[in-house]
């Protein structure tokens, strides 16, 4: 965002970012919503600065000088929270008369812990050159800026093209950005973008490829309300998903697919924990759409697991026709995943979810009971959720006495309980709660790993039995998955299960 503001200015911006294919730029520019208003075009050149040790990047901040004609604007930005599409960023801006950053101004407005590290000279890290086309939109009580950036990022010796659409909230009702984005997404293929231009530029400058990412720890505190915690956790889940989605769409990396599925599962867990915040219609719609995605990812992930197991075995023992058949099925499953996540329907559902997280029905006057629940202190609701999930796990018998179907159900509930502990565990502080949580999670991870491996064996055998001329049980033995290893998993899972329920819960 560039604005003609002078002096010491602080602001928070809220915007949605989308990747758009170059061939769809013309379709966007001819959209009736945009042709009805006068557009503004300008050439922007931005230089991003940091120390040699990348102090600002490590702190989640960026510093740029942006030139447009005779104007030079210095902007210091920081990300308020992990973004899965909706970026909420703070910024300080001043106008400059020379193309050099004002280090004193940066030190004045950065966190105190960074000031000692920001003594040295700042140096250019990357350059971003774009042709920007901007449309101001008024929409039912809100003012929105729709911006198309077409250009290039230059970092080190590398470059990356930019074709990015931004829908930014200017004034009034924040729901306007979601409504406007939906109108555009119905006509123009869009995919939510999880990385800022500066993040992509830093990766280029550092020769980083931007691979799969695991879920980042969620930072909550006891003073939060239920709804504020829901917003933080949901944003973290969506960021986790979006980062890995971009990696998978670009390179079809199996681990990225796995992390997309993990993010989706964590989001389902969160919705189940906070179901009282949703209307029945919202819950039904979002739950159905997320589960649909989860199943699509699961089918592809199951094929990944089979192939990884067989490819570790002696290649001479595995029929080549079986491997080729499985690889063709996996490629088809990958194509279905990509078709789904790049579809109009998926983009619209993601926008629905983002809109709910930012300004859902829990905030409306007619939802008084949900609004009251959302304002409840977090630690009260968290302890209730943890206790409820703990009791569910206790209803199962011994792992060794369960059939495959019940083991699978226990595995799902164990994962949900793990999500609960990871989301809310830091709310219960002190030496004893911290030690108990660490011990509980250790046993829970062991139980989950054992149950996961046992479930994978069942799924693998079912998949292999469908291949012409293949016997699933025989091929699993060749891959080292015999009855001896199964008994070892049952024993390991059983021990972890017993230890788990001998412990004192950390939330009591």
Protein backbone atom coordinates (compact mmCIF):
# COMPACT_ATOMS: atom_id res chain seq x y z
CA UNK A 1 0.00 0.00 0.00
CA UNK A 2 1.34 3.47 -0.86
CA UNK A 3 -0.20 6.61 0.51
CA UNK A 4 0.81 10.26 0.41
CA UNK A 5 1.26 10.59 4.17
CA UNK A 6 3.85 12.76 5.79
CA UNK A 7 5.71 12.50 9.06
CA UNK A 8 5.29 9.89 11.76
CA UNK A 9 2.34 7.77 10.61
CA UNK A 10 1.20 4.45 12.04
CA UNK A 11 -1.46 2.36 10.39
CA UNK A 12 -2.78 -1.19 10.19
CA UNK A 13 -3.69 -2.67 6.83
CA UNK A 14 -5.98 -5.59 6.16
CA UNK A 15 -5.77 -7.18 2.74
CA UNK A 16 -6.30 -10.38 0.83
CA UNK A 17 -3.63 -11.49 -1.61
CA UNK A 18 -4.20 -13.77 -4.58
CA UNK A 19 -1.99 -15.34 -7.23
CA UNK A 20 -3.41 -14.74 -10.69
CA UNK A 21 -2.26 -16.32 -13.95
CA UNK A 22 -0.78 -13.80 -16.45
CA UNK A 23 -3.32 -14.83 -19.08
CA UNK A 24 -6.19 -13.93 -16.72
CA UNK A 25 -5.11 -10.30 -16.20
CA UNK A 26 -7.23 -9.15 -19.15
CA UNK A 27 -10.26 -10.95 -17.76
CA UNK A 28 -9.73 -9.20 -14.43
CA UNK A 29 -9.42 -5.74 -16.01
CA UNK A 30 -12.68 -6.24 -17.92
CA UNK A 31 -14.64 -7.32 -14.83
CA UNK A 32 -17.82 -5.16 -14.57
CA UNK A 33 -17.04 -4.28 -10.96
CA UNK A 34 -13.76 -2.69 -12.06
CA UNK A 35 -14.75 -1.16 -15.40
CA UNK A 36 -17.42 0.85 -13.55
CA UNK A 37 -14.74 2.95 -11.77
CA UNK A 38 -11.73 4.94 -12.91
CA UNK A 39 -8.47 3.07 -12.52
CA UNK A 40 -5.08 4.45 -11.60
CA UNK A 41 -1.84 3.13 -13.11
CA UNK A 42 1.69 3.75 -11.88
CA UNK A 43 5.17 2.28 -12.09
CA UNK A 44 6.59 1.39 -8.67
CA UNK A 45 10.16 0.48 -7.81
CA UNK A 46 10.80 -0.79 -4.27
CA UNK A 47 14.14 -1.43 -2.62
CA UNK A 48 14.14 -3.51 0.56
CA UNK A 49 16.86 -2.95 3.15
CA UNK A 50 18.19 -4.98 6.06
CA UNK A 51 21.40 -5.57 7.98
CA UNK A 52 23.96 -8.12 6.78
CA UNK A 53 22.59 -10.52 9.40
CA UNK A 54 18.95 -9.98 8.27
CA UNK A 55 17.86 -8.64 11.66
CA UNK A 56 14.57 -7.25 10.36
CA UNK A 57 13.64 -10.40 8.46
CA UNK A 58 14.23 -12.56 11.54
CA UNK A 59 11.96 -10.25 13.54
CA UNK A 60 9.16 -10.59 10.97
CA UNK A 61 9.61 -7.04 9.71
CA UNK A 62 10.44 -5.42 6.39
CA UNK A 63 11.83 -2.03 5.42
CA UNK A 64 11.42 -0.60 1.95
CA UNK A 65 11.88 2.58 -0.01
CA UNK A 66 9.28 2.83 -2.74
CA UNK A 67 9.71 5.25 -5.62
CA UNK A 68 6.84 6.47 -7.76
CA UNK A 69 7.72 9.40 -9.98
CA UNK A 70 9.34 12.02 -7.74
CA UNK A 71 7.95 10.58 -4.51
CA UNK A 72 9.93 8.31 -2.18
CA UNK A 73 8.09 6.64 0.70
CA UNK A 74 9.88 4.73 3.47
CA UNK A 75 7.73 2.00 5.03
CA UNK A 76 8.46 -0.23 8.00
CA UNK A 77 6.05 -3.18 8.21
CA UNK A 78 5.46 -6.11 10.51
CA UNK A 79 3.07 -9.03 10.37
CA UNK A 80 0.50 -8.97 13.18
CA UNK A 81 -0.30 -12.70 12.88
CA UNK A 82 0.34 -15.72 10.62
CA UNK A 83 -1.67 -15.29 7.46
CA UNK A 84 -3.53 -17.86 5.44
CA UNK A 85 -4.81 -15.24 3.04
CA UNK A 86 -5.88 -12.27 5.16
CA UNK A 87 -2.83 -10.16 5.95
CA UNK A 88 -3.08 -7.89 8.98
CA UNK A 89 0.06 -5.79 9.09
CA UNK A 90 1.18 -2.74 10.98
CA UNK A 91 3.22 -0.07 9.30
CA UNK A 92 5.04 3.21 9.87
CA UNK A 93 5.55 5.50 6.89
CA UNK A 94 7.42 8.70 6.20
CA UNK A 95 8.23 10.55 3.01
CA UNK A 96 11.92 10.78 2.10
CA UNK A 97 13.78 13.28 -0.07
CA UNK A 98 16.73 10.95 -0.75
CA UNK A 99 16.80 7.28 -1.79
CA UNK A 100 18.36 6.16 1.48
CA UNK A 101 16.58 4.76 4.56
CA UNK A 102 16.39 6.75 7.77
CA UNK A 103 17.95 4.28 10.23
CA UNK A 104 17.11 6.47 13.22
CA UNK A 105 13.42 6.35 12.32
CA UNK A 106 13.59 2.58 11.99
CA UNK A 107 15.27 2.19 15.37
CA UNK A 108 12.68 4.50 16.94
CA UNK A 109 9.77 2.31 15.83
CA UNK A 110 11.17 -1.22 16.05
CA UNK A 111 10.96 -3.34 19.23
CA UNK A 112 13.49 -2.36 21.91
CA UNK A 113 15.18 -5.78 21.74
CA UNK A 114 16.24 -5.06 18.12
CA UNK A 115 17.72 -1.62 18.61
CA UNK A 116 21.13 -2.89 19.70
CA UNK A 117 21.31 -5.06 16.57
CA UNK A 118 20.34 -2.20 14.26
CA UNK A 119 23.45 -0.10 14.74
CA UNK A 120 25.25 -1.14 11.58
CA UNK A 121 24.58 0.11 8.06
CA UNK A 122 21.54 -1.09 6.15
CA UNK A 123 22.07 -2.60 2.71
CA UNK A 124 19.78 -3.37 -0.24
CA UNK A 125 18.53 -6.96 -0.14
CA UNK A 126 16.09 -7.09 -3.07
CA UNK A 127 14.30 -4.97 -5.64
CA UNK A 128 10.67 -5.24 -6.69
CA UNK A 129 9.49 -3.54 -9.87
CA UNK A 130 5.78 -3.58 -10.75
CA UNK A 131 3.25 -1.96 -13.00
CA UNK A 132 0.39 -1.31 -10.58
CA UNK A 133 -3.24 -0.91 -11.63
CA UNK A 134 -5.57 0.20 -8.84
CA UNK A 135 -9.35 0.48 -8.64
CA UNK A 136 -11.19 2.18 -5.71
CA UNK A 137 -14.42 0.31 -4.89
CA UNK A 138 -17.31 1.26 -2.61
CA UNK A 139 -19.30 -1.72 -1.36
CA UNK A 140 -22.19 -1.60 1.11
CA UNK A 141 -20.66 0.52 3.84
CA UNK A 142 -17.06 -0.25 3.04
CA UNK A 143 -14.30 1.20 0.87
CA UNK A 144 -11.91 -1.22 -0.80
CA UNK A 145 -8.87 -0.92 -3.01
CA UNK A 146 -8.42 -3.58 -5.69
CA UNK A 147 -4.83 -3.69 -6.97
CA UNK A 148 -3.14 -5.71 -9.70
CA UNK A 149 0.67 -5.87 -9.56
CA UNK A 150 2.54 -7.17 -12.61
CA UNK A 151 6.30 -7.20 -12.54
CA UNK A 152 9.34 -8.92 -11.11
CA UNK A 153 11.20 -9.58 -7.87
CA UNK A 154 15.00 -9.36 -8.10
CA UNK A 155 16.94 -10.99 -5.27
CA UNK A 156 20.64 -11.72 -5.51
CA UNK A 157 21.25 -13.25 -8.93
CA UNK A 158 17.70 -14.61 -9.23
CA UNK A 159 14.38 -13.22 -10.34
CA UNK A 160 10.73 -14.22 -10.01
CA UNK A 161 7.73 -12.82 -11.89
CA UNK A 162 4.85 -11.22 -9.99
CA UNK A 163 1.21 -11.52 -10.97
CA UNK A 164 -0.65 -10.64 -7.79
CA UNK A 165 -4.07 -9.29 -6.93
CA UNK A 166 -4.66 -7.47 -3.65
CA UNK A 167 -8.02 -6.54 -2.16
CA UNK A 168 -7.39 -4.10 0.68
CA UNK A 169 -9.73 -2.67 3.28
CA UNK A 170 -9.64 1.14 3.34
CA UNK A 171 -12.58 2.28 5.46
CA UNK A 172 -15.86 1.11 6.90
CA UNK A 173 -17.11 -2.45 7.14
CA UNK A 174 -14.22 -4.94 6.79
CA UNK A 175 -16.65 -7.49 5.32
CA UNK A 176 -16.49 -5.49 2.09
CA UNK A 177 -13.08 -6.98 1.17
CA UNK A 178 -14.50 -10.50 1.29
CA UNK A 179 -17.60 -9.54 -0.70
CA UNK A 180 -15.55 -7.81 -3.40
CA UNK A 181 -13.05 -10.70 -3.54
CA UNK A 182 -15.93 -13.16 -3.96
CA UNK A 183 -17.36 -11.16 -6.87
CA UNK A 184 -14.00 -11.21 -8.64
CA UNK A 185 -13.28 -14.89 -7.84
CA UNK A 186 -16.57 -15.93 -9.45
CA UNK A 187 -15.27 -14.68 -12.81
CA UNK A 188 -11.47 -14.83 -12.58
CA UNK A 189 -9.43 -17.88 -11.44
CA UNK A 190 -7.67 -16.92 -8.20
CA UNK A 191 -5.61 -18.73 -5.58
CA UNK A 192 -4.99 -17.32 -2.11
CA UNK A 193 -1.38 -16.27 -1.61
CA UNK A 194 0.27 -16.94 1.77
CA UNK A 195 3.58 -15.10 1.22
CA UNK A 196 4.23 -11.40 0.86
CA UNK A 197 6.43 -10.02 -1.90
CA UNK A 198 9.15 -9.30 0.64
CA UNK A 199 9.08 -12.88 1.94
CA UNK A 200 9.48 -14.19 -1.59
CA UNK A 201 12.27 -11.70 -2.21
CA UNK A 202 14.15 -12.75 0.91
CA UNK A 203 13.95 -16.38 -0.23
CA UNK A 204 15.36 -15.44 -3.62
CA UNK A 205 18.15 -13.40 -2.09
CA UNK A 206 19.03 -16.25 0.25
CA UNK A 207 18.83 -18.94 -2.47
CA UNK A 208 16.07 -20.64 -0.48
CA UNK A 209 13.57 -22.85 -2.25
CA UNK A 210 10.68 -22.48 0.19
CA UNK A 211 9.89 -26.12 0.97
CA UNK A 212 7.18 -27.76 3.10
CA UNK A 213 6.59 -26.35 6.57
CA UNK A 214 5.31 -27.93 9.76
CA UNK A 215 2.74 -26.18 11.93
CA UNK A 216 4.16 -23.28 13.90
CA UNK A 217 3.53 -23.10 17.65
CA UNK A 218 0.41 -21.13 18.53
CA UNK A 219 0.94 -18.35 21.08
CA UNK A 220 -2.04 -17.81 23.39
CA UNK A 221 -2.41 -16.29 26.83
CA UNK A 222 -4.93 -16.61 29.66
CA UNK A 223 -6.27 -13.10 29.21
CA UNK A 224 -7.59 -13.93 25.74
CA UNK A 225 -11.24 -14.56 25.01
CA UNK A 226 -12.45 -17.73 23.31
CA UNK A 227 -13.08 -15.92 20.03
CA UNK A 228 -9.69 -14.17 19.97
CA UNK A 229 -8.01 -17.55 20.52
CA UNK A 230 -10.15 -19.07 17.77
CA UNK A 231 -9.00 -16.33 15.40
CA UNK A 232 -5.32 -16.84 16.25
CA UNK A 233 -5.46 -20.64 15.92
CA UNK A 234 -7.55 -20.58 12.75
CA UNK A 235 -5.17 -18.09 11.13
CA UNK A 236 -2.25 -20.33 12.07
CA UNK A 237 -3.96 -23.38 10.53
CA UNK A 238 -4.80 -21.50 7.34
CA UNK A 239 -1.24 -20.20 7.06
CA UNK A 240 0.12 -23.73 7.56
CA UNK A 241 -2.19 -24.97 4.81
CA UNK A 242 -1.57 -22.14 2.33
CA UNK A 243 2.23 -22.28 2.56
CA UNK A 244 2.26 -26.01 1.83
CA UNK A 245 -0.43 -25.74 -0.84
CA UNK A 246 1.79 -23.36 -2.81
CA UNK A 247 4.72 -25.79 -2.54
CA UNK A 248 2.59 -28.75 -3.62
CA UNK A 249 0.99 -26.96 -6.58
CA UNK A 250 4.42 -25.82 -7.77
CA UNK A 251 6.38 -29.06 -7.29
CA UNK A 252 4.08 -31.90 -6.13
CA UNK A 253 6.19 -32.56 -3.04
CA UNK A 254 4.75 -35.46 -0.96
CA UNK A 255 5.64 -33.86 2.39
CA UNK A 256 3.79 -30.68 1.38
CA UNK A 257 0.68 -32.78 0.72
CA UNK A 258 1.07 -34.41 4.13
CA UNK A 259 1.32 -31.01 5.82
CA UNK A 260 -1.77 -29.78 3.93
CA UNK A 261 -3.65 -32.72 5.39
CA UNK A 262 -2.30 -32.04 8.89
CA UNK A 263 -3.39 -28.38 8.64
CA UNK A 264 -6.84 -29.45 7.48
CA UNK A 265 -7.17 -31.93 10.34
CA UNK A 266 -6.14 -29.30 12.88
CA UNK A 267 -8.75 -26.94 11.46
CA UNK A 268 -11.44 -29.63 11.80
CA UNK A 269 -10.35 -30.16 15.41
CA UNK A 270 -10.61 -26.43 16.09
CA UNK A 271 -14.10 -26.21 14.61
CA UNK A 272 -15.23 -29.14 16.76
CA UNK A 273 -13.80 -27.47 19.90
CA UNK A 274 -15.52 -24.16 19.13
CA UNK A 275 -18.70 -25.48 17.53
CA UNK A 276 -20.88 -23.25 19.73
CA UNK A 277 -19.54 -20.22 17.85
CA UNK A 278 -21.05 -21.44 14.58
CA UNK A 279 -24.65 -21.51 13.45
CA UNK A 280 -25.87 -24.95 12.38
CA UNK A 281 -25.72 -23.89 8.73
CA UNK A 282 -22.19 -22.52 9.02
CA UNK A 283 -20.99 -25.64 10.82
CA UNK A 284 -22.58 -27.97 8.27
CA UNK A 285 -21.23 -26.09 5.25
CA UNK A 286 -17.68 -25.56 6.48
CA UNK A 287 -17.39 -29.03 8.00
CA UNK A 288 -18.56 -30.68 4.77
CA UNK A 289 -16.18 -28.67 2.58
CA UNK A 290 -13.16 -29.22 4.83
CA UNK A 291 -13.86 -32.96 5.12
CA UNK A 292 -14.21 -33.18 1.34
CA UNK A 293 -10.73 -31.67 0.99
CA UNK A 294 -9.37 -33.88 3.77
CA UNK A 295 -10.56 -37.04 1.99
CA UNK A 296 -9.11 -35.92 -1.34
CA UNK A 297 -5.72 -35.29 0.31
CA UNK A 298 -6.01 -38.62 2.16
CA UNK A 299 -6.43 -40.70 -0.98
CA UNK A 300 -3.29 -39.21 -2.48
CA UNK A 301 -1.39 -39.50 0.81
CA UNK A 302 -2.27 -43.21 1.15
CA UNK A 303 -0.66 -43.86 -2.23
CA UNK A 304 2.44 -41.94 -1.13
CA UNK A 305 2.74 -44.17 1.94
CA UNK A 306 2.41 -47.38 -0.08
CA UNK A 307 5.03 -46.31 -2.60
CA UNK A 308 7.46 -45.12 0.08
CA UNK A 309 7.19 -48.51 1.81
CA UNK A 310 7.66 -50.53 -1.38
CA UNK A 311 10.50 -48.37 -2.69
CA UNK A 312 12.48 -49.17 0.47
CA UNK A 313 12.20 -52.89 -0.24
CA UNK A 314 14.42 -54.94 -2.53
CA UNK A 315 13.40 -53.76 -6.01
CA UNK A 316 13.91 -57.27 -7.42
CA UNK A 317 11.14 -58.58 -5.18
CA UNK A 318 8.49 -56.01 -6.13
CA UNK A 319 6.78 -56.52 -9.52
CA UNK A 320 7.51 -53.53 -11.74
CA UNK A 321 3.93 -53.57 -13.02
CA UNK A 322 2.67 -53.02 -9.47
CA UNK A 323 4.96 -50.02 -8.91
CA UNK A 324 4.06 -48.51 -12.28
CA UNK A 325 0.36 -48.96 -11.59
CA UNK A 326 0.61 -47.32 -8.18
CA UNK A 327 2.61 -44.41 -9.58
CA UNK A 328 -0.02 -43.78 -12.26
CA UNK A 329 -2.72 -43.79 -9.60
CA UNK A 330 -0.73 -41.39 -7.48
CA UNK A 331 -0.24 -38.99 -10.38
CA UNK A 332 -4.01 -39.07 -10.99
CA UNK A 333 -4.65 -38.47 -7.28
CA UNK A 334 -2.19 -35.56 -7.27
CA UNK A 335 -3.97 -34.07 -10.31
CA UNK A 336 -7.29 -34.28 -8.46
CA UNK A 337 -5.78 -32.45 -5.48
CA UNK A 338 -4.42 -29.67 -7.68
CA UNK A 339 -7.69 -29.39 -9.62
CA UNK A 340 -9.54 -29.04 -6.33
CA UNK A 341 -7.31 -26.45 -4.63
CA UNK A 342 -7.12 -24.31 -7.78
CA UNK A 343 -10.87 -24.46 -8.42
CA UNK A 344 -13.32 -21.59 -8.08
CA UNK A 345 -15.32 -23.53 -5.51
CA UNK A 346 -12.29 -24.03 -3.26
CA UNK A 347 -11.31 -20.35 -3.47
CA UNK A 348 -14.84 -19.26 -2.54
CA UNK A 349 -14.97 -21.66 0.41
CA UNK A 350 -11.61 -20.41 1.65
CA UNK A 351 -12.93 -16.85 1.45
CA UNK A 352 -16.01 -17.92 3.43
CA UNK A 353 -13.79 -19.38 6.13
CA UNK A 354 -11.52 -16.33 6.26
CA UNK A 355 -14.56 -14.06 6.49
CA UNK A 356 -15.93 -16.10 9.38
CA UNK A 357 -12.62 -15.96 11.23
CA UNK A 358 -12.36 -12.18 10.81
CA UNK A 359 -16.00 -11.08 11.21
CA UNK A 360 -18.27 -14.11 11.63
CA UNK A 361 -21.84 -14.32 12.80
CA UNK A 362 -20.62 -14.49 16.41
CA UNK A 363 -20.14 -10.71 16.11
CA UNK A 364 -23.71 -9.95 15.00
CA UNK A 365 -26.41 -8.63 17.33
CA UNK A 366 -28.79 -11.51 16.60
CA UNK A 367 -26.20 -14.00 17.85
CA UNK A 368 -26.14 -12.83 21.46
CA UNK A 369 -25.51 -16.26 22.99
CA UNK A 370 -22.58 -16.97 20.68
CA UNK A 371 -21.25 -13.47 21.22
CA UNK A 372 -21.32 -14.07 24.99
CA UNK A 373 -19.53 -17.40 24.61
CA UNK A 374 -16.91 -15.80 22.39
CA UNK A 375 -16.12 -13.27 25.11
CA UNK A 376 -15.60 -15.95 27.76
CA UNK A 377 -12.10 -16.17 29.25
CA UNK A 378 -10.06 -18.68 27.29
CA UNK A 379 -8.57 -20.70 30.15
CA UNK A 380 -12.07 -21.64 31.36
CA UNK A 381 -13.12 -23.02 27.98
CA UNK A 382 -9.72 -24.62 27.33
CA UNK A 383 -9.81 -26.72 30.51
CA UNK A 384 -13.32 -27.88 29.63
CA UNK A 385 -12.26 -28.90 26.11
CA UNK A 386 -9.17 -30.75 27.36
CA UNK A 387 -11.17 -32.68 29.93
CA UNK A 388 -13.80 -33.63 27.36
CA UNK A 389 -11.18 -34.97 24.90
CA UNK A 390 -9.36 -36.81 27.70
CA UNK A 391 -12.58 -38.63 28.68
CA UNK A 392 -13.21 -39.65 25.08
CA UNK A 393 -9.82 -41.34 24.90
CA UNK A 394 -10.54 -43.21 28.14
CA UNK A 395 -13.60 -44.94 26.68
CA UNK A 396 -11.51 -47.23 24.48
CA UNK A 397 -10.24 -50.62 25.62
CA UNK A 398 -6.64 -51.81 25.33
CA UNK A 399 -5.00 -51.23 21.97
CA UNK A 400 -4.18 -54.95 21.63
CA UNK A 401 -7.88 -55.86 22.08
CA UNK A 402 -9.23 -53.47 19.46
CA UNK A 403 -10.00 -54.41 15.88
CA UNK A 404 -8.70 -52.29 12.99
CA UNK A 405 -11.84 -50.13 12.84
CA UNK A 406 -11.77 -49.25 16.54
CA UNK A 407 -8.01 -48.66 16.46
CA UNK A 408 -8.60 -46.18 13.65
CA UNK A 409 -11.25 -44.39 15.73
CA UNK A 410 -8.87 -44.27 18.71
CA UNK A 411 -6.17 -42.87 16.42
CA UNK A 412 -8.46 -40.06 15.25
CA UNK A 413 -9.41 -39.16 18.82
CA UNK A 414 -5.75 -39.29 19.88
CA UNK A 415 -4.85 -36.83 17.11
CA UNK A 416 -7.68 -34.53 18.15
CA UNK A 417 -6.50 -34.65 21.76
CA UNK A 418 -2.96 -33.92 20.61
CA UNK A 419 -4.25 -30.85 18.75
CA UNK A 420 -6.05 -29.76 21.92
CA UNK A 421 -2.86 -30.04 23.97
CA UNK A 422 -0.78 -28.21 21.37
CA UNK A 423 -3.31 -25.40 20.96
CA UNK A 424 -4.03 -24.76 24.64
CA UNK A 425 -1.17 -26.32 26.60
CA UNK A 426 0.78 -23.10 27.16
CA UNK A 427 -2.15 -21.61 29.08
CA UNK A 428 -1.33 -23.85 32.04
CA UNK A 429 1.95 -22.54 33.38
CA UNK A 430 4.22 -23.48 36.23
CA UNK A 431 6.75 -26.29 36.80
CA UNK A 432 4.22 -29.06 37.50
CA UNK A 433 1.79 -28.36 34.61
CA UNK A 434 4.72 -27.95 32.19
CA UNK A 435 6.36 -31.22 33.28
CA UNK A 436 3.05 -33.10 33.17
CA UNK A 437 2.23 -31.75 29.71
CA UNK A 438 5.65 -32.75 28.38
CA UNK A 439 5.25 -36.30 29.74
CA UNK A 440 1.69 -36.60 28.47
CA UNK A 441 2.62 -35.45 24.98
CA UNK A 442 5.53 -37.89 24.86
CA UNK A 443 3.22 -40.85 25.54
CA UNK A 444 0.57 -39.42 23.23
CA UNK A 445 3.05 -39.12 20.34
CA UNK A 446 4.17 -42.74 20.87
CA UNK A 447 0.55 -43.94 20.93
CA UNK A 448 -0.33 -41.95 17.85
CA UNK A 449 2.74 -43.19 15.93
CA UNK A 450 1.93 -46.82 16.73
CA UNK A 451 -1.73 -46.43 15.78
CA UNK A 452 -0.76 -44.57 12.62
CA UNK A 453 1.62 -47.31 11.52
CA UNK A 454 -1.02 -49.98 12.22
CA UNK A 455 -3.63 -48.07 10.25
CA UNK A 456 -1.20 -47.54 7.37
CA UNK A 457 -0.69 -51.31 7.12
CA UNK A 458 -4.44 -51.86 6.74
CA UNK A 459 -4.75 -49.13 4.11
CA UNK A 460 -1.68 -50.36 2.21
CA UNK A 461 -2.95 -53.92 2.06
CA UNK A 462 -6.32 -52.74 0.74
CA UNK A 463 -4.64 -50.63 -1.96
CA UNK A 464 -2.24 -53.40 -2.98
CA UNK A 465 -5.01 -56.00 -3.20
CA UNK A 466 -6.62 -53.85 -5.90
CA UNK A 467 -3.54 -54.12 -8.14
CA UNK A 468 -3.73 -56.91 -10.77
CA UNK A 469 -1.70 -59.93 -9.74
CA UNK A 470 -0.67 -58.42 -6.39
CA UNK A 471 -1.19 -59.90 -2.94
CA UNK A 472 -1.13 -57.14 -0.38
CA UNK A 473 -0.04 -59.23 2.61
CA UNK A 474 2.87 -60.76 0.67
CA UNK A 475 4.13 -57.40 -0.59
CA UNK A 476 3.94 -55.91 2.90
CA UNK A 477 6.14 -58.73 4.20
CA UNK A 478 8.66 -57.97 1.47
CA UNK A 479 8.66 -54.38 2.72
CA UNK A 480 9.40 -55.58 6.25
CA UNK A 481 5.85 -55.16 7.52
CA UNK A 482 5.26 -58.65 8.90
CA UNK A 483 3.41 -60.03 11.94
CA UNK A 484 6.44 -59.53 14.16
CA UNK A 485 6.54 -55.80 13.45
CA UNK A 486 2.76 -55.62 13.96
CA UNK A 487 3.05 -57.19 17.43
CA UNK A 488 5.80 -54.71 18.28
CA UNK A 489 3.53 -51.83 17.31
CA UNK A 490 0.65 -53.20 19.38
CA UNK A 491 2.97 -53.58 22.37
CA UNK A 492 4.39 -50.06 21.97
CA UNK A 493 0.94 -48.54 21.59
CA UNK A 494 -0.39 -50.47 24.57
CA UNK A 495 2.42 -49.29 26.85
CA UNK A 496 1.94 -45.68 25.78
CA UNK A 497 -1.81 -45.96 26.36
CA UNK A 498 -1.28 -47.28 29.90
CA UNK A 499 1.26 -44.58 30.74
CA UNK A 500 -1.08 -41.93 29.41
CA UNK A 501 -3.85 -42.75 31.87
CA UNK A 502 -1.53 -43.22 34.82
CA UNK A 503 -0.63 -39.53 34.59
CA UNK A 504 -2.18 -36.55 36.32
CA UNK A 505 -3.66 -34.20 33.69
CA UNK A 506 -1.76 -30.92 33.41
CA UNK A 507 -4.92 -28.76 33.28
CA UNK A 508 -6.40 -29.76 36.66
